[in-house]
Amino acid sequence: MIKPEGIIAAMVTPLTEKDEVNEAELRSQVNRMVAAGVHGLFCLGTNGEFYALSYEEKISIMQIVLDENRGRLPVYAGTGCVTTKEAVRVSQAAEALGIDALSVITPYFVSVSQEELFSYFQEIAMSVKLPVLLYNIPARTGNNIDYSTFLRLVKIGNIAGIKDSSGNFDTTLRYIEETNGTVPVLSGNDSLILSTLLAGGAGGISGICNLFPEIVVSIYELWKKGDIKAATEAQRNLRPIRDTLKLGNPNSVVKRAMNLLGYPVGNARKPAVGLSAKLDEEICKALEKYKL
């Protein structure tokens, strides 16, 4: 079973002016991430706007990423949905396509208990043979995976770890501590990648990889070599662009920054387009700090 570790790129979904999946640019981004040295590709995550895509679009995106990747890196796909039934459907389709591992977000909009969360993840995991990476992002979903529920879930054979995007580092620490570092815990917050590694975590799933993959990868590689000083500097290097994310829907901001860097990924799908002169001004100020 694949062990989630290192830097996994949380890829955006490029769209055309007609609001359709831009296959050519998606293929280009796959090759760009591979060339940058990331350790895995993740499509249909938050940055991939999974919540705004149809079932048919999700299938197409997975097929494109798998085809262009050509087995070079593990490919993760986000298959979580509001209902267990739909999550199982997408998860089984991903497995049939040849996806290497699933990332399953908690249900969103609907408030559920910890017992209902356990049942949701259990049923999805048991419906496939693939590794399942849990995805905790309570600010977006309204549902938090308690450490006690995580402890129960990791007893299921193919629950492979957890991505924590809670922004509360104590939550990340508790996941690591309660499993004695034996289950991969990855940071979903780019600002906490090094902190997670130093605490015994396995890496990070990074949206900023879409902008500066080499910098994000260097955090992990330098940490692995034991050069904590250089890794700390690389981590701090993400701060200027990270500060722009508060100016709008974060994944919309990332897409806009990519366009300004010359990668034609299009806008985020409406209503979260994320366009304004003020936003462009602030992003450009941040991007200036990365020019060599």
C-alpha atoms as a PDB file:
ATOM      1  CA  MET A   1       0.000   0.000   0.000  1.00  0.00           C
ATOM      2  CA  ILE A   2       1.258   3.433  -0.928  1.00  0.00           C
ATOM      3  CA  LYS A   3       2.562   5.408   2.021  1.00  0.00           C
ATOM      4  CA  PRO A   4       1.565   9.079   1.710  1.00  0.00           C
ATOM      5  CA  GLU A   5       4.724  11.099   2.270  1.00  0.00           C
ATOM      6  CA  GLY A   6       6.794  13.962   0.929  1.00  0.00           C
ATOM      7  CA  ILE A   7       5.287  16.852  -0.991  1.00  0.00           C
ATOM      8  CA  ILE A   8       2.117  16.032  -2.881  1.00  0.00           C
ATOM      9  CA  ALA A   9       0.941  18.705  -5.313  1.00  0.00           C
ATOM     10  CA  ALA A  10      -2.701  19.700  -4.828  1.00  0.00           C
ATOM     11  CA  MET A  11      -3.246  20.543  -8.477  1.00  0.00           C
ATOM     12  CA  VAL A  12      -5.672  23.134  -9.792  1.00  0.00           C
ATOM     13  CA  THR A  13      -8.161  22.220 -12.505  1.00  0.00           C
ATOM     14  CA  PRO A  14      -7.395  24.414 -15.541  1.00  0.00           C
ATOM     15  CA  LEU A  15     -10.502  25.756 -17.267  1.00  0.00           C
ATOM     16  CA  THR A  16     -10.981  27.327 -20.682  1.00  0.00           C
ATOM     17  CA  GLU A  17     -12.788  30.602 -21.409  1.00  0.00           C
ATOM     18  CA  LYS A  18     -15.854  28.457 -22.078  1.00  0.00           C
ATOM     19  CA  ASP A  19     -15.599  27.070 -18.532  1.00  0.00           C
ATOM     20  CA  GLU A  20     -14.598  23.610 -19.730  1.00  0.00           C
ATOM     21  CA  VAL A  21     -11.686  21.478 -18.519  1.00  0.00           C
ATOM     22  CA  ASN A  22      -8.522  22.621 -20.307  1.00  0.00           C
ATOM     23  CA  GLU A  23      -6.954  19.264 -21.118  1.00  0.00           C
ATOM     24  CA  ALA A  24      -3.801  20.655 -22.728  1.00  0.00           C
ATOM     25  CA  GLU A  25      -2.963  22.844 -19.740  1.00  0.00           C
ATOM     26  CA  LEU A  26      -3.783  20.083 -17.263  1.00  0.00           C
ATOM     27  CA  ARG A  27      -1.319  17.825 -19.068  1.00  0.00           C
ATOM     28  CA  SER A  28       1.244  20.625 -19.017  1.00  0.00           C
ATOM     29  CA  GLN A  29       0.828  21.065 -15.265  1.00  0.00           C
ATOM     30  CA  VAL A  30       1.282  17.329 -14.660  1.00  0.00           C
ATOM     31  CA  ASN A  31       4.644  17.457 -16.437  1.00  0.00           C
ATOM     32  CA  ARG A  32       5.601  20.667 -14.641  1.00  0.00           C
ATOM     33  CA  MET A  33       4.966  19.082 -11.238  1.00  0.00           C
ATOM     34  CA  VAL A  34       6.878  15.922 -12.143  1.00  0.00           C
ATOM     35  CA  ALA A  35       9.844  17.999 -13.373  1.00  0.00           C
ATOM     36  CA  ALA A  36       9.815  19.991 -10.109  1.00  0.00           C
ATOM     37  CA  GLY A  37      10.379  16.831  -8.079  1.00  0.00           C
ATOM     38  CA  VAL A  38       7.086  16.517  -6.206  1.00  0.00           C
ATOM     39  CA  HIS A  39       6.422  13.133  -4.631  1.00  0.00           C
ATOM     40  CA  GLY A  40       2.808  12.742  -5.717  1.00  0.00           C
ATOM     41  CA  LEU A  41       0.007  14.315  -7.746  1.00  0.00           C
ATOM     42  CA  PHE A  42      -3.370  15.097  -6.222  1.00  0.00           C
ATOM     43  CA  CYS A  43      -6.307  15.979  -8.449  1.00  0.00           C
ATOM     44  CA  LEU A  44      -9.856  16.884  -7.418  1.00  0.00           C
ATOM     45  CA  GLY A  45      -8.893  18.414  -4.096  1.00  0.00           C
ATOM     46  CA  THR A  46      -9.907  21.823  -2.757  1.00  0.00           C
ATOM     47  CA  ASN A  47      -7.509  23.558  -5.142  1.00  0.00           C
ATOM     48  CA  GLY A  48      -8.884  21.341  -7.884  1.00  0.00           C
ATOM     49  CA  GLU A  49     -12.403  22.720  -7.215  1.00  0.00           C
ATOM     50  CA  PHE A  50     -13.877  19.255  -6.724  1.00  0.00           C
ATOM     51  CA  TYR A  51     -16.989  20.853  -5.231  1.00  0.00           C
ATOM     52  CA  ALA A  52     -17.714  22.665  -8.517  1.00  0.00           C
ATOM     53  CA  LEU A  53     -17.226  19.726 -10.901  1.00  0.00           C
ATOM     54  CA  SER A  54     -19.711  17.238 -12.306  1.00  0.00           C
ATOM     55  CA  TYR A  55     -19.221  13.495 -12.013  1.00  0.00           C
ATOM     56  CA  GLU A  56     -18.340  13.332 -15.707  1.00  0.00           C
ATOM     57  CA  GLU A  57     -15.742  16.090 -15.324  1.00  0.00           C
ATOM     58  CA  LYS A  58     -14.164  14.300 -12.373  1.00  0.00           C
ATOM     59  CA  ILE A  59     -13.817  11.115 -14.421  1.00  0.00           C
ATOM     60  CA  SER A  60     -12.260  13.051 -17.306  1.00  0.00           C
ATOM     61  CA  ILE A  61      -9.762  14.838 -15.045  1.00  0.00           C
ATOM     62  CA  MET A  62      -8.634  11.598 -13.426  1.00  0.00           C
ATOM     63  CA  GLN A  63      -8.195   9.982 -16.845  1.00  0.00           C
ATOM     64  CA  ILE A  64      -6.116  12.901 -18.148  1.00  0.00           C
ATOM     65  CA  VAL A  65      -3.835  13.041 -15.104  1.00  0.00           C
ATOM     66  CA  LEU A  66      -3.273   9.285 -15.133  1.00  0.00           C
ATOM     67  CA  ASP A  67      -2.577   9.244 -18.853  1.00  0.00           C
ATOM     68  CA  GLU A  68      -0.091  12.118 -18.757  1.00  0.00           C
ATOM     69  CA  ASN A  69       1.606  10.920 -15.582  1.00  0.00           C
ATOM     70  CA  ARG A  70       2.404   7.565 -17.196  1.00  0.00           C
ATOM     71  CA  GLY A  71       3.102   5.904 -13.861  1.00  0.00           C
ATOM     72  CA  ARG A  72       5.878   8.279 -12.865  1.00  0.00           C
ATOM     73  CA  LEU A  73       4.323   9.350  -9.561  1.00  0.00           C
ATOM     74  CA  PRO A  74       1.526   8.144  -7.280  1.00  0.00           C
ATOM     75  CA  VAL A  75      -1.748   9.805  -8.268  1.00  0.00           C
ATOM     76  CA  TYR A  76      -4.245  10.706  -5.546  1.00  0.00           C
ATOM     77  CA  ALA A  77      -7.824  11.707  -6.312  1.00  0.00           C
ATOM     78  CA  GLY A  78     -10.330  13.480  -4.102  1.00  0.00           C
ATOM     79  CA  THR A  79     -13.502  11.398  -3.961  1.00  0.00           C
ATOM     80  CA  GLY A  80     -15.307  12.707  -0.890  1.00  0.00           C
ATOM     81  CA  CYS A  81     -18.882  13.939  -1.326  1.00  0.00           C
ATOM     82  CA  VAL A  82     -21.777  15.154   0.785  1.00  0.00           C
ATOM     83  CA  THR A  83     -23.410  11.726   0.766  1.00  0.00           C
ATOM     84  CA  THR A  84     -21.790   8.373   1.446  1.00  0.00           C
ATOM     85  CA  LYS A  85     -23.530   6.885  -1.606  1.00  0.00           C
ATOM     86  CA  GLU A  86     -21.986   9.397  -4.024  1.00  0.00           C
ATOM     87  CA  ALA A  87     -18.551   9.184  -2.363  1.00  0.00           C
ATOM     88  CA  VAL A  88     -18.592   5.405  -2.817  1.00  0.00           C
ATOM     89  CA  ARG A  89     -19.599   5.851  -6.466  1.00  0.00           C
ATOM     90  CA  VAL A  90     -16.736   8.248  -7.222  1.00  0.00           C
ATOM     91  CA  SER A  91     -14.250   6.181  -5.198  1.00  0.00           C
ATOM     92  CA  GLN A  92     -15.079   2.984  -7.056  1.00  0.00           C
ATOM     93  CA  ALA A  93     -14.842   4.803 -10.392  1.00  0.00           C
ATOM     94  CA  ALA A  94     -11.402   6.138  -9.400  1.00  0.00           C
ATOM     95  CA  GLU A  95     -10.247   2.638  -8.530  1.00  0.00           C
ATOM     96  CA  ALA A  96     -11.490   1.291 -11.880  1.00  0.00           C
ATOM     97  CA  LEU A  97      -9.547   4.006 -13.715  1.00  0.00           C
ATOM     98  CA  GLY A  98      -6.287   3.092 -11.988  1.00  0.00           C
ATOM     99  CA  ILE A  99      -5.928   5.862  -9.400  1.00  0.00           C
ATOM    100  CA  ASP A 100      -3.272   4.928  -6.815  1.00  0.00           C
ATOM    101  CA  ALA A 101      -4.877   6.358  -3.662  1.00  0.00           C
ATOM    102  CA  LEU A 102      -7.952   8.272  -2.571  1.00  0.00           C
ATOM    103  CA  SER A 103      -8.243  11.444  -0.546  1.00  0.00           C
ATOM    104  CA  VAL A 104     -11.622  11.579   1.147  1.00  0.00           C
ATOM    105  CA  ILE A 105     -12.871  14.817   2.656  1.00  0.00           C
ATOM    106  CA  THR A 106     -15.469  14.810   5.410  1.00  0.00           C
ATOM    107  CA  PRO A 107     -19.061  15.464   4.370  1.00  0.00           C
ATOM    108  CA  TYR A 108     -19.748  19.186   4.030  1.00  0.00           C
ATOM    109  CA  PHE A 109     -22.771  21.460   4.580  1.00  0.00           C
ATOM    110  CA  VAL A 110     -24.501  18.732   6.578  1.00  0.00           C
ATOM    111  CA  SER A 111     -23.475  18.526  10.237  1.00  0.00           C
ATOM    112  CA  VAL A 112     -22.621  14.984  11.331  1.00  0.00           C
ATOM    113  CA  SER A 113     -21.585  13.300  14.570  1.00  0.00           C
ATOM    114  CA  GLN A 114     -18.271  11.534  15.113  1.00  0.00           C
ATOM    115  CA  GLU A 115     -20.069   8.205  14.880  1.00  0.00           C
ATOM    116  CA  GLU A 116     -21.575   9.228  11.546  1.00  0.00           C
ATOM    117  CA  LEU A 117     -18.134  10.366  10.366  1.00  0.00           C
ATOM    118  CA  PHE A 118     -16.697   6.993  11.301  1.00  0.00           C
ATOM    119  CA  SER A 119     -19.428   5.167   9.385  1.00  0.00           C
ATOM    120  CA  TYR A 120     -18.934   7.424   6.347  1.00  0.00           C
ATOM    121  CA  PHE A 121     -15.208   6.748   6.090  1.00  0.00           C
ATOM    122  CA  GLN A 122     -15.580   3.078   6.992  1.00  0.00           C
ATOM    123  CA  GLU A 123     -18.114   2.429   4.237  1.00  0.00           C
ATOM    124  CA  ILE A 124     -16.017   4.238   1.627  1.00  0.00           C
ATOM    125  CA  ALA A 125     -12.809   2.446   2.653  1.00  0.00           C
ATOM    126  CA  MET A 126     -14.507  -0.940   2.590  1.00  0.00           C
ATOM    127  CA  SER A 127     -15.943  -0.296  -0.881  1.00  0.00           C
ATOM    128  CA  VAL A 128     -12.463  -0.193  -2.476  1.00  0.00           C
ATOM    129  CA  LYS A 129      -9.044  -1.809  -2.125  1.00  0.00           C
ATOM    130  CA  LEU A 130      -7.143   1.451  -2.531  1.00  0.00           C
ATOM    131  CA  PRO A 131      -5.342   3.353   0.262  1.00  0.00           C
ATOM    132  CA  VAL A 132      -7.603   6.051   1.684  1.00  0.00           C
ATOM    133  CA  LEU A 133      -6.174   9.310   3.012  1.00  0.00           C
ATOM    134  CA  LEU A 134      -8.597  11.141   5.287  1.00  0.00           C
ATOM    135  CA  TYR A 135      -8.988  14.886   4.703  1.00  0.00           C
ATOM    136  CA  ASN A 136      -9.794  17.193   7.615  1.00  0.00           C
ATOM    137  CA  ILE A 137     -10.696  20.812   6.794  1.00  0.00           C
ATOM    138  CA  PRO A 138     -13.395  21.874   9.278  1.00  0.00           C
ATOM    139  CA  ALA A 139     -13.342  25.567   8.309  1.00  0.00           C
ATOM    140  CA  ARG A 140     -14.698  24.588   4.891  1.00  0.00           C
ATOM    141  CA  THR A 141     -16.836  21.575   5.796  1.00  0.00           C
ATOM    142  CA  GLY A 142     -18.083  22.314   9.299  1.00  0.00           C
ATOM    143  CA  ASN A 143     -17.002  18.835  10.411  1.00  0.00           C
ATOM    144  CA  ASN A 144     -13.799  18.029  12.309  1.00  0.00           C
ATOM    145  CA  ILE A 145     -12.284  14.552  12.624  1.00  0.00           C
ATOM    146  CA  ASP A 146     -11.595  14.088  16.315  1.00  0.00           C
ATOM    147  CA  TYR A 147      -8.373  12.291  17.197  1.00  0.00           C
ATOM    148  CA  SER A 148     -10.380   9.532  18.873  1.00  0.00           C
ATOM    149  CA  THR A 149     -12.270   8.926  15.627  1.00  0.00           C
ATOM    150  CA  PHE A 150      -8.970   8.934  13.727  1.00  0.00           C
ATOM    151  CA  LEU A 151      -7.644   6.270  16.096  1.00  0.00           C
ATOM    152  CA  ARG A 152     -10.655   4.081  15.345  1.00  0.00           C
ATOM    153  CA  LEU A 153     -10.394   4.635  11.602  1.00  0.00           C
ATOM    154  CA  VAL A 154      -6.724   3.708  11.256  1.00  0.00           C
ATOM    155  CA  LYS A 155      -7.607   0.208  12.428  1.00  0.00           C
ATOM    156  CA  ILE A 156      -9.323  -0.244   9.069  1.00  0.00           C
ATOM    157  CA  GLY A 157      -6.709  -1.850   6.860  1.00  0.00           C
ATOM    158  CA  ASN A 158      -6.646   0.615   3.969  1.00  0.00           C
ATOM    159  CA  ILE A 159      -6.952   3.887   5.894  1.00  0.00           C
ATOM    160  CA  ALA A 160      -3.476   5.177   5.003  1.00  0.00           C
ATOM    161  CA  GLY A 161      -3.256   8.432   6.963  1.00  0.00           C
ATOM    162  CA  ILE A 162      -4.709  11.911   7.226  1.00  0.00           C
ATOM    163  CA  LYS A 163      -4.275  15.341   5.695  1.00  0.00           C
ATOM    164  CA  ASP A 164      -4.944  18.011   8.314  1.00  0.00           C
ATOM    165  CA  SER A 165      -6.007  21.406   7.001  1.00  0.00           C
ATOM    166  CA  SER A 166      -7.593  22.515  10.257  1.00  0.00           C
ATOM    167  CA  GLY A 167      -4.988  25.248  10.739  1.00  0.00           C
ATOM    168  CA  ASN A 168      -4.893  24.225  14.399  1.00  0.00           C
ATOM    169  CA  PHE A 169      -1.452  22.701  14.890  1.00  0.00           C
ATOM    170  CA  ASP A 170      -2.547  21.047  18.118  1.00  0.00           C
ATOM    171  CA  THR A 171      -4.955  18.960  16.050  1.00  0.00           C
ATOM    172  CA  THR A 172      -2.072  17.847  13.831  1.00  0.00           C
ATOM    173  CA  LEU A 173       0.061  17.066  16.876  1.00  0.00           C
ATOM    174  CA  ARG A 174      -2.681  14.996  18.457  1.00  0.00           C
ATOM    175  CA  TYR A 175      -3.015  12.867  15.322  1.00  0.00           C
ATOM    176  CA  ILE A 176       0.744  12.248  15.394  1.00  0.00           C
ATOM    177  CA  GLU A 177       0.996  11.672  19.141  1.00  0.00           C
ATOM    178  CA  GLU A 178      -1.972   9.326  19.434  1.00  0.00           C
ATOM    179  CA  THR A 179      -0.588   7.057  16.689  1.00  0.00           C
ATOM    180  CA  ASN A 180       3.041   7.346  17.888  1.00  0.00           C
ATOM    181  CA  GLY A 181       4.057   8.591  14.451  1.00  0.00           C
ATOM    182  CA  THR A 182       3.210   5.215  12.891  1.00  0.00           C
ATOM    183  CA  VAL A 183       0.428   6.565  10.650  1.00  0.00           C
ATOM    184  CA  PRO A 184       1.235   9.247   8.048  1.00  0.00           C
ATOM    185  CA  VAL A 185      -0.005  12.695   9.011  1.00  0.00           C
ATOM    186  CA  LEU A 186       0.399  15.374   6.342  1.00  0.00           C
ATOM    187  CA  SER A 187      -0.030  19.102   6.610  1.00  0.00           C
ATOM    188  CA  GLY A 188      -2.690  20.630   4.385  1.00  0.00           C
ATOM    189  CA  ASN A 189      -1.464  24.081   5.382  1.00  0.00           C
ATOM    190  CA  ASP A 190       1.634  25.209   3.470  1.00  0.00           C
ATOM    191  CA  SER A 191       2.775  27.289   6.432  1.00  0.00           C
ATOM    192  CA  LEU A 192       2.988  24.218   8.651  1.00  0.00           C
ATOM    193  CA  ILE A 193       4.845  21.739   6.437  1.00  0.00           C
ATOM    194  CA  LEU A 194       8.171  21.942   8.267  1.00  0.00           C
ATOM    195  CA  SER A 195       6.527  22.076  11.686  1.00  0.00           C
ATOM    196  CA  THR A 196       4.594  18.922  10.828  1.00  0.00           C
ATOM    197  CA  LEU A 197       7.764  17.154   9.667  1.00  0.00           C
ATOM    198  CA  LEU A 198       9.659  18.147  12.793  1.00  0.00           C
ATOM    199  CA  ALA A 199       6.810  16.844  14.936  1.00  0.00           C
ATOM    200  CA  GLY A 200       6.918  13.437  13.283  1.00  0.00           C
ATOM    201  CA  GLY A 201       4.581  14.002  10.347  1.00  0.00           C
ATOM    202  CA  ALA A 202       5.098  12.655   6.841  1.00  0.00           C
ATOM    203  CA  GLY A 203       4.971  15.753   4.644  1.00  0.00           C
ATOM    204  CA  GLY A 204       2.458  18.094   3.098  1.00  0.00           C
ATOM    205  CA  ILE A 205      -0.230  18.331   0.434  1.00  0.00           C
ATOM    206  CA  SER A 206       0.454  21.713  -1.053  1.00  0.00           C
ATOM    207  CA  GLY A 207      -1.630  24.234  -2.989  1.00  0.00           C
ATOM    208  CA  ILE A 208       1.336  26.595  -3.272  1.00  0.00           C
ATOM    209  CA  CYS A 209       3.023  23.849  -5.312  1.00  0.00           C
ATOM    210  CA  ASN A 210       0.954  25.214  -8.185  1.00  0.00           C
ATOM    211  CA  LEU A 211       3.020  28.408  -7.971  1.00  0.00           C
ATOM    212  CA  PHE A 212       6.463  27.472  -6.656  1.00  0.00           C
ATOM    213  CA  PRO A 213       6.793  23.683  -6.562  1.00  0.00           C
ATOM    214  CA  GLU A 214      10.594  23.711  -6.315  1.00  0.00           C
ATOM    215  CA  ILE A 215      10.507  25.809  -3.134  1.00  0.00           C
ATOM    216  CA  VAL A 216       7.904  23.595  -1.490  1.00  0.00           C
ATOM    217  CA  VAL A 217       9.768  20.412  -2.449  1.00  0.00           C
ATOM    218  CA  SER A 218      12.993  21.867  -1.032  1.00  0.00           C
ATOM    219  CA  ILE A 219      11.404  22.127   2.433  1.00  0.00           C
ATOM    220  CA  TYR A 220      11.011  18.366   2.532  1.00  0.00           C
ATOM    221  CA  GLU A 221      14.308  17.506   0.852  1.00  0.00           C
ATOM    222  CA  LEU A 222      16.321  19.817   3.119  1.00  0.00           C
ATOM    223  CA  TRP A 223      14.554  18.450   6.196  1.00  0.00           C
ATOM    224  CA  LYS A 224      15.321  14.933   5.032  1.00  0.00           C
ATOM    225  CA  LYS A 225      19.019  15.827   4.745  1.00  0.00           C
ATOM    226  CA  GLY A 226      18.962  17.278   8.249  1.00  0.00           C
ATOM    227  CA  ASP A 227      19.573  20.858   7.095  1.00  0.00           C
ATOM    228  CA  ILE A 228      16.918  22.397   9.312  1.00  0.00           C
ATOM    229  CA  LYS A 229      18.283  25.933   8.947  1.00  0.00           C
ATOM    230  CA  ALA A 230      17.907  25.858   5.156  1.00  0.00           C
ATOM    231  CA  ALA A 231      14.555  24.100   5.419  1.00  0.00           C
ATOM    232  CA  THR A 232      13.346  26.828   7.771  1.00  0.00           C
ATOM    233  CA  GLU A 233      14.420  29.485   5.286  1.00  0.00           C
ATOM    234  CA  ALA A 234      12.584  27.691   2.479  1.00  0.00           C
ATOM    235  CA  GLN A 235       9.483  27.470   4.661  1.00  0.00           C
ATOM    236  CA  ARG A 236       9.641  31.188   5.450  1.00  0.00           C
ATOM    237  CA  ASN A 237      10.013  31.882   1.751  1.00  0.00           C
ATOM    238  CA  LEU A 238       6.367  30.902   1.255  1.00  0.00           C
ATOM    239  CA  ARG A 239       5.070  33.646   3.543  1.00  0.00           C
ATOM    240  CA  PRO A 240       4.633  36.502   1.010  1.00  0.00           C
ATOM    241  CA  ILE A 241       2.452  34.509  -1.360  1.00  0.00           C
ATOM    242  CA  ARG A 242       0.635  32.803   1.510  1.00  0.00           C
ATOM    243  CA  ASP A 243      -0.347  36.229   2.820  1.00  0.00           C
ATOM    244  CA  THR A 244      -2.327  36.909  -0.364  1.00  0.00           C
ATOM    245  CA  LEU A 245      -4.621  33.935   0.191  1.00  0.00           C
ATOM    246  CA  LYS A 246      -6.652  35.873   2.760  1.00  0.00           C
ATOM    247  CA  LEU A 247      -7.724  38.312   0.030  1.00  0.00           C
ATOM    248  CA  GLY A 248     -10.295  35.896  -1.361  1.00  0.00           C
ATOM    249  CA  ASN A 249     -11.247  32.272  -1.784  1.00  0.00           C
ATOM    250  CA  PRO A 250      -7.731  30.748  -1.411  1.00  0.00           C
ATOM    251  CA  ASN A 251      -7.919  28.414  -4.397  1.00  0.00           C
ATOM    252  CA  SER A 252      -9.275  31.273  -6.544  1.00  0.00           C
ATOM    253  CA  VAL A 253      -6.287  33.388  -5.482  1.00  0.00           C
ATOM    254  CA  VAL A 254      -3.878  30.576  -6.375  1.00  0.00           C
ATOM    255  CA  LYS A 255      -5.419  30.311  -9.828  1.00  0.00           C
ATOM    256  CA  ARG A 256      -5.176  34.049 -10.383  1.00  0.00           C
ATOM    257  CA  ALA A 257      -1.523  34.022  -9.316  1.00  0.00           C
ATOM    258  CA  MET A 258      -0.826  31.179 -11.738  1.00  0.00           C
ATOM    259  CA  ASN A 259      -2.313  33.194 -14.573  1.00  0.00           C
ATOM    260  CA  LEU A 260      -0.156  36.175 -13.615  1.00  0.00           C
ATOM    261  CA  LEU A 261       2.887  33.877 -13.683  1.00  0.00           C
ATOM    262  CA  GLY A 262       2.015  32.899 -17.239  1.00  0.00           C
ATOM    263  CA  TYR A 263       0.222  29.586 -16.691  1.00  0.00           C
ATOM    264  CA  PRO A 264      -3.164  29.793 -18.496  1.00  0.00           C
ATOM    265  CA  VAL A 265      -5.288  27.866 -16.016  1.00  0.00           C
ATOM    266  CA  GLY A 266      -8.281  30.171 -16.370  1.00  0.00           C
ATOM    267  CA  ASN A 267     -10.508  31.456 -13.624  1.00  0.00           C
ATOM    268  CA  ALA A 268     -12.046  29.567 -10.768  1.00  0.00           C
ATOM    269  CA  ARG A 269     -15.564  28.417 -11.539  1.00  0.00           C
ATOM    270  CA  LYS A 270     -18.300  30.917 -10.671  1.00  0.00           C
ATOM    271  CA  PRO A 271     -19.287  32.273  -8.251  1.00  0.00           C
ATOM    272  CA  ALA A 272     -15.772  32.181  -6.756  1.00  0.00           C
ATOM    273  CA  VAL A 273     -14.022  33.772  -9.742  1.00  0.00           C
ATOM    274  CA  GLY A 274     -11.639  35.896  -7.662  1.00  0.00           C
ATOM    275  CA  LEU A 275     -10.946  38.803  -9.988  1.00  0.00           C
ATOM    276  CA  SER A 276     -10.200  42.407  -8.983  1.00  0.00           C
ATOM    277  CA  ALA A 277      -7.607  45.077  -9.657  1.00  0.00           C
ATOM    278  CA  LYS A 278      -6.783  45.184  -5.927  1.00  0.00           C
ATOM    279  CA  LEU A 279      -6.179  41.423  -5.830  1.00  0.00           C
ATOM    280  CA  ASP A 280      -3.893  41.590  -8.866  1.00  0.00           C
ATOM    281  CA  GLU A 281      -1.950  44.433  -7.274  1.00  0.00           C
ATOM    282  CA  GLU A 282      -1.354  42.525  -4.045  1.00  0.00           C
ATOM    283  CA  ILE A 283      -0.464  39.283  -5.825  1.00  0.00           C
ATOM    284  CA  CYS A 284       1.996  41.088  -8.088  1.00  0.00           C
ATOM    285  CA  LYS A 285       3.653  42.679  -5.054  1.00  0.00           C
ATOM    286  CA  ALA A 286       4.114  39.235  -3.531  1.00  0.00           C
ATOM    287  CA  LEU A 287       5.350  37.675  -6.775  1.00  0.00           C
ATOM    288  CA  GLU A 288       8.002  40.382  -7.121  1.00  0.00           C
ATOM    289  CA  LYS A 289       9.709  38.934  -4.063  1.00  0.00           C
ATOM    290  CA  TYR A 290      10.279  35.653  -5.888  1.00  0.00           C
ATOM    291  CA  LYS A 291      12.071  37.081  -8.914  1.00  0.00           C
ATOM    292  CA  LEU A 292      15.702  36.026  -9.178  1.00  0.00           C
END
